[in-house]
Every structure is written in C-alpha cells, then in structure tokens.
C-alpha cells in the first residue's frame, strides 16, 4: 500500500470513528432522558416501579453489562481517534 492510499484510508477511518463517537453520545443522551422519565414515573407509582424492577431484574442486569460494553467501545474508539490523528500528523 502506498503512502497516499494509506493516508486517505486513515482519514476515512478517522472521519467514521469521529462520527460514530458523536452519534454514540447522542444516543446516550436520549437513553438518559428515557431513564429519567422511568424514574419519575416509578416515583409516582412506587408499587408499579417495584414490580417492574423485580420482573425485569434479569433484563436490567443484562442491560447493565451491555452498557458497560458500549462505554468500553466508546473509550476504545476515542483512543483510536487519538492514535489515528498521530499517524496522520506523521504523514503530513
């Protein structure tokens, strides 16, 4: 792979990674709103909240693991962005 091809491949990957990180944070903002709405609803209806927490306990646990994995991917993507920027600077 010649220098120009590698440079443009890195540029494209950088753009895609930055876009993914931006969209991830947008989705997390929407998820935060949803969680806040659920908390307010469950505070107004404590029995329903207790019942839903018990019924969905396994799903909530899986969701916690999933959230942890997605945040790991986000932080990994941020590190990749830093490394790609360094690689691009070395080509310029």
N, C-alpha and C. Protein backbone atom coordinates (compact mmCIF):
# COMPACT_ATOMS: atom_id res chain seq x y z
N UNK A 1 0.86 -1.17 0.00
CA UNK A 1 0.00 0.00 0.00
C UNK A 1 0.90 1.23 0.00
N UNK A 2 0.64 2.11 -0.94
CA UNK A 2 1.49 3.29 -0.99
C UNK A 2 1.05 4.32 0.05
N UNK A 3 1.87 5.33 0.17
CA UNK A 3 1.67 6.33 1.21
C UNK A 3 0.33 7.06 1.06
N UNK A 4 -0.02 7.47 -0.15
CA UNK A 4 -1.27 8.21 -0.36
C UNK A 4 -2.49 7.37 -0.03
N UNK A 5 -2.49 6.11 -0.45
CA UNK A 5 -3.62 5.24 -0.17
C UNK A 5 -3.79 5.05 1.33
N UNK A 6 -2.69 4.82 2.03
CA UNK A 6 -2.75 4.63 3.48
C UNK A 6 -3.23 5.91 4.18
N UNK A 7 -2.75 7.05 3.72
CA UNK A 7 -3.15 8.33 4.30
C UNK A 7 -4.66 8.53 4.16
N UNK A 8 -5.18 8.32 2.97
CA UNK A 8 -6.61 8.53 2.75
C UNK A 8 -7.46 7.48 3.46
N UNK A 9 -6.94 6.28 3.60
CA UNK A 9 -7.64 5.26 4.38
C UNK A 9 -7.72 5.68 5.84
N UNK A 10 -6.62 6.22 6.36
CA UNK A 10 -6.63 6.71 7.75
C UNK A 10 -7.60 7.88 7.91
N UNK A 11 -7.62 8.79 6.94
CA UNK A 11 -8.55 9.93 7.01
C UNK A 11 -10.00 9.45 7.04
N UNK A 12 -10.31 8.48 6.19
CA UNK A 12 -11.66 7.96 6.14
C UNK A 12 -12.02 7.27 7.47
N UNK A 13 -11.09 6.49 8.00
CA UNK A 13 -11.35 5.82 9.27
C UNK A 13 -11.52 6.84 10.39
N UNK A 14 -10.72 7.89 10.37
CA UNK A 14 -10.85 8.94 11.38
C UNK A 14 -12.23 9.59 11.31
N UNK A 15 -12.66 9.92 10.11
CA UNK A 15 -13.98 10.54 9.94
C UNK A 15 -15.09 9.61 10.46
N UNK A 16 -15.02 8.34 10.09
CA UNK A 16 -16.04 7.38 10.53
C UNK A 16 -16.03 7.19 12.04
N UNK A 17 -14.84 7.13 12.62
CA UNK A 17 -14.73 6.94 14.07
C UNK A 17 -15.26 8.16 14.82
N UNK A 18 -14.93 9.34 14.35
CA UNK A 18 -15.43 10.56 15.00
C UNK A 18 -16.95 10.65 14.89
N UNK A 19 -17.48 10.28 13.74
CA UNK A 19 -18.92 10.30 13.56
C UNK A 19 -19.60 9.28 14.48
N UNK A 20 -19.03 8.08 14.60
CA UNK A 20 -19.60 7.06 15.47
C UNK A 20 -19.60 7.54 16.92
N UNK A 21 -18.50 8.14 17.37
CA UNK A 21 -18.41 8.62 18.75
C UNK A 21 -19.45 9.72 19.00
N UNK A 22 -19.64 10.59 18.03
CA UNK A 22 -20.63 11.66 18.17
C UNK A 22 -22.04 11.08 18.27
N UNK A 23 -22.35 10.13 17.41
CA UNK A 23 -23.68 9.51 17.44
C UNK A 23 -23.90 8.70 18.71
N UNK A 24 -22.85 8.06 19.19
CA UNK A 24 -22.97 7.30 20.43
C UNK A 24 -23.38 8.22 21.58
N UNK A 25 -22.74 9.38 21.68
CA UNK A 25 -23.08 10.32 22.75
C UNK A 25 -24.51 10.86 22.59
N UNK A 26 -24.95 11.05 21.35
CA UNK A 26 -26.33 11.48 21.13
C UNK A 26 -27.31 10.43 21.61
N UNK A 27 -27.05 9.18 21.28
CA UNK A 27 -27.92 8.09 21.72
C UNK A 27 -27.93 7.99 23.24
N UNK A 28 -26.78 8.17 23.86
CA UNK A 28 -26.71 8.12 25.32
C UNK A 28 -27.53 9.24 25.96
N UNK A 29 -27.56 10.41 25.33
CA UNK A 29 -28.40 11.49 25.84
C UNK A 29 -29.88 11.11 25.80
N UNK A 30 -30.29 10.47 24.72
CA UNK A 30 -31.68 10.02 24.61
C UNK A 30 -31.99 8.92 25.63
N UNK A 31 -31.05 8.03 25.84
CA UNK A 31 -31.25 6.96 26.83
C UNK A 31 -31.34 7.55 28.24
N UNK A 32 -30.57 8.61 28.48
CA UNK A 32 -30.62 9.28 29.79
C UNK A 32 -32.00 9.88 30.03
N UNK A 33 -32.59 10.47 28.99
CA UNK A 33 -33.93 11.05 29.09
C UNK A 33 -34.95 9.94 29.40
N UNK A 34 -34.82 8.82 28.71
CA UNK A 34 -35.73 7.70 28.94
C UNK A 34 -35.62 7.18 30.36
N UNK A 35 -34.40 7.04 30.86
CA UNK A 35 -34.21 6.57 32.24
C UNK A 35 -34.78 7.56 33.25
N UNK A 36 -34.62 8.84 32.97
CA UNK A 36 -35.15 9.87 33.87
C UNK A 36 -36.68 9.81 33.89
N UNK A 37 -37.30 9.63 32.73
CA UNK A 37 -38.76 9.53 32.66
C UNK A 37 -39.25 8.30 33.43
N UNK A 38 -38.55 7.19 33.30
CA UNK A 38 -38.94 5.97 34.02
C UNK A 38 -38.82 6.19 35.53
N UNK A 39 -37.76 6.85 35.96
CA UNK A 39 -37.56 7.12 37.39
C UNK A 39 -38.69 7.99 37.93
N UNK A 40 -39.05 9.02 37.20
CA UNK A 40 -40.14 9.90 37.64
C UNK A 40 -41.46 9.12 37.71
N UNK A 41 -41.71 8.30 36.69
CA UNK A 41 -42.93 7.50 36.68
C UNK A 41 -42.97 6.54 37.87
N UNK A 42 -41.85 5.87 38.12
CA UNK A 42 -41.81 4.90 39.22
C UNK A 42 -41.88 5.58 40.58
N UNK A 43 -41.43 6.82 40.68
CA UNK A 43 -41.58 7.56 41.94
C UNK A 43 -43.04 7.90 42.21
N UNK A 44 -43.79 8.16 41.14
CA UNK A 44 -45.22 8.46 41.30
C UNK A 44 -46.04 7.20 41.55
N UNK A 45 -45.55 6.07 41.05
CA UNK A 45 -46.24 4.79 41.20
C UNK A 45 -45.25 3.77 41.80
N UNK A 46 -44.99 3.85 43.11
CA UNK A 46 -43.95 3.01 43.72
C UNK A 46 -44.20 1.51 43.60
N UNK A 47 -45.45 1.08 43.73
CA UNK A 47 -45.71 -0.36 43.62
C UNK A 47 -45.39 -0.85 42.22
N UNK A 48 -45.81 -0.10 41.21
CA UNK A 48 -45.53 -0.46 39.82
C UNK A 48 -44.02 -0.48 39.57
N UNK A 49 -43.33 0.49 40.14
CA UNK A 49 -41.88 0.53 39.99
C UNK A 49 -41.21 -0.67 40.61
N UNK A 50 -41.65 -1.03 41.81
CA UNK A 50 -41.08 -2.20 42.49
C UNK A 50 -41.35 -3.46 41.68
N UNK A 51 -42.59 -3.59 41.21
CA UNK A 51 -42.97 -4.76 40.43
C UNK A 51 -42.16 -4.87 39.14
N UNK A 52 -42.01 -3.76 38.45
CA UNK A 52 -41.26 -3.77 37.19
C UNK A 52 -39.78 -4.07 37.42
N UNK A 53 -39.24 -3.55 38.50
CA UNK A 53 -37.83 -3.83 38.80
C UNK A 53 -37.62 -5.31 39.11
N UNK A 54 -38.55 -5.92 39.81
CA UNK A 54 -38.43 -7.35 40.11
C UNK A 54 -38.63 -8.18 38.85
N UNK A 55 -39.65 -7.87 38.08
CA UNK A 55 -39.94 -8.66 36.87
C UNK A 55 -38.79 -8.55 35.87
N UNK A 56 -38.25 -7.36 35.70
CA UNK A 56 -37.21 -7.13 34.69
C UNK A 56 -35.80 -7.18 35.25
N UNK A 57 -35.63 -7.77 36.42
CA UNK A 57 -34.30 -7.84 37.03
C UNK A 57 -33.26 -8.51 36.12
N UNK A 58 -33.56 -9.68 35.55
CA UNK A 58 -32.55 -10.28 34.64
C UNK A 58 -32.24 -9.39 33.43
N UNK A 59 -33.27 -8.79 32.86
CA UNK A 59 -33.05 -7.92 31.70
C UNK A 59 -32.25 -6.68 32.09
N UNK A 60 -32.54 -6.15 33.25
CA UNK A 60 -31.79 -4.98 33.71
C UNK A 60 -30.32 -5.31 33.95
N UNK A 61 -30.07 -6.52 34.45
CA UNK A 61 -28.68 -6.94 34.66
C UNK A 61 -27.95 -7.07 33.32
N UNK A 62 -28.60 -7.66 32.35
CA UNK A 62 -28.01 -7.78 31.01
C UNK A 62 -27.80 -6.40 30.41
N UNK A 63 -28.75 -5.49 30.65
CA UNK A 63 -28.61 -4.12 30.16
C UNK A 63 -27.41 -3.41 30.78
N UNK A 64 -27.17 -3.66 32.06
CA UNK A 64 -26.01 -3.08 32.73
C UNK A 64 -24.71 -3.57 32.09
N UNK A 65 -24.64 -4.86 31.82
CA UNK A 65 -23.45 -5.41 31.17
C UNK A 65 -23.30 -4.82 29.77
N UNK A 66 -24.42 -4.71 29.05
CA UNK A 66 -24.40 -4.14 27.70
C UNK A 66 -23.93 -2.69 27.73
N UNK A 67 -24.42 -1.91 28.68
CA UNK A 67 -23.99 -0.51 28.81
C UNK A 67 -22.49 -0.43 29.05
N UNK A 68 -21.99 -1.30 29.91
CA UNK A 68 -20.56 -1.32 30.21
C UNK A 68 -19.75 -1.63 28.95
N UNK A 69 -20.22 -2.59 28.17
CA UNK A 69 -19.52 -2.95 26.93
C UNK A 69 -19.53 -1.79 25.94
N UNK A 70 -20.68 -1.11 25.79
CA UNK A 70 -20.75 0.01 24.84
C UNK A 70 -19.87 1.17 25.28
N UNK A 71 -19.82 1.44 26.59
CA UNK A 71 -18.94 2.52 27.05
C UNK A 71 -17.48 2.13 26.84
N UNK A 72 -17.14 0.85 27.00
CA UNK A 72 -15.78 0.39 26.70
C UNK A 72 -15.46 0.66 25.23
N UNK A 73 -16.40 0.33 24.35
CA UNK A 73 -16.19 0.56 22.92
C UNK A 73 -16.02 2.04 22.61
N UNK A 74 -16.79 2.88 23.29
CA UNK A 74 -16.66 4.33 23.08
C UNK A 74 -15.27 4.82 23.48
N UNK A 75 -14.82 4.42 24.66
CA UNK A 75 -13.50 4.87 25.12
C UNK A 75 -12.38 4.30 24.24
N UNK A 76 -12.56 3.08 23.77
CA UNK A 76 -11.60 2.50 22.84
C UNK A 76 -11.57 3.29 21.54
N UNK A 77 -12.74 3.69 21.06
CA UNK A 77 -12.83 4.49 19.83
C UNK A 77 -12.13 5.82 20.01
N UNK A 78 -12.29 6.44 21.18
CA UNK A 78 -11.62 7.72 21.44
C UNK A 78 -10.10 7.55 21.41
N UNK A 79 -9.60 6.46 21.95
CA UNK A 79 -8.15 6.20 21.90
C UNK A 79 -7.69 5.98 20.46
N UNK A 80 -8.50 5.24 19.69
CA UNK A 80 -8.17 5.01 18.29
C UNK A 80 -8.12 6.34 17.53
N UNK A 81 -9.03 7.24 17.83
CA UNK A 81 -9.04 8.55 17.18
C UNK A 81 -7.74 9.29 17.47
N UNK A 82 -7.30 9.25 18.72
CA UNK A 82 -6.03 9.90 19.08
C UNK A 82 -4.86 9.30 18.31
N UNK A 83 -4.82 7.98 18.24
CA UNK A 83 -3.71 7.29 17.55
C UNK A 83 -3.75 7.58 16.06
N UNK A 84 -4.92 7.57 15.47
CA UNK A 84 -5.04 7.85 14.03
C UNK A 84 -4.60 9.28 13.74
N UNK A 85 -4.98 10.22 14.59
CA UNK A 85 -4.54 11.61 14.40
C UNK A 85 -3.03 11.72 14.44
N UNK A 86 -2.39 10.99 15.35
CA UNK A 86 -0.93 10.99 15.42
C UNK A 86 -0.33 10.41 14.15
N UNK A 87 -0.92 9.32 13.65
CA UNK A 87 -0.43 8.70 12.42
C UNK A 87 -0.57 9.66 11.24
N UNK A 88 -1.68 10.36 11.17
CA UNK A 88 -1.90 11.30 10.08
C UNK A 88 -0.91 12.46 10.16
N UNK A 89 -0.65 12.94 11.37
CA UNK A 89 0.32 14.03 11.54
C UNK A 89 1.72 13.59 11.08
N UNK A 90 2.04 12.32 11.30
CA UNK A 90 3.36 11.86 10.88
C UNK A 90 3.48 11.78 9.36
N UNK A 91 2.36 11.69 8.66
CA UNK A 91 2.38 11.66 7.19
C UNK A 91 2.35 13.04 6.57
N UNK A 92 1.94 14.05 7.34
CA UNK A 92 1.85 15.39 6.78
C UNK A 92 3.15 16.14 6.84
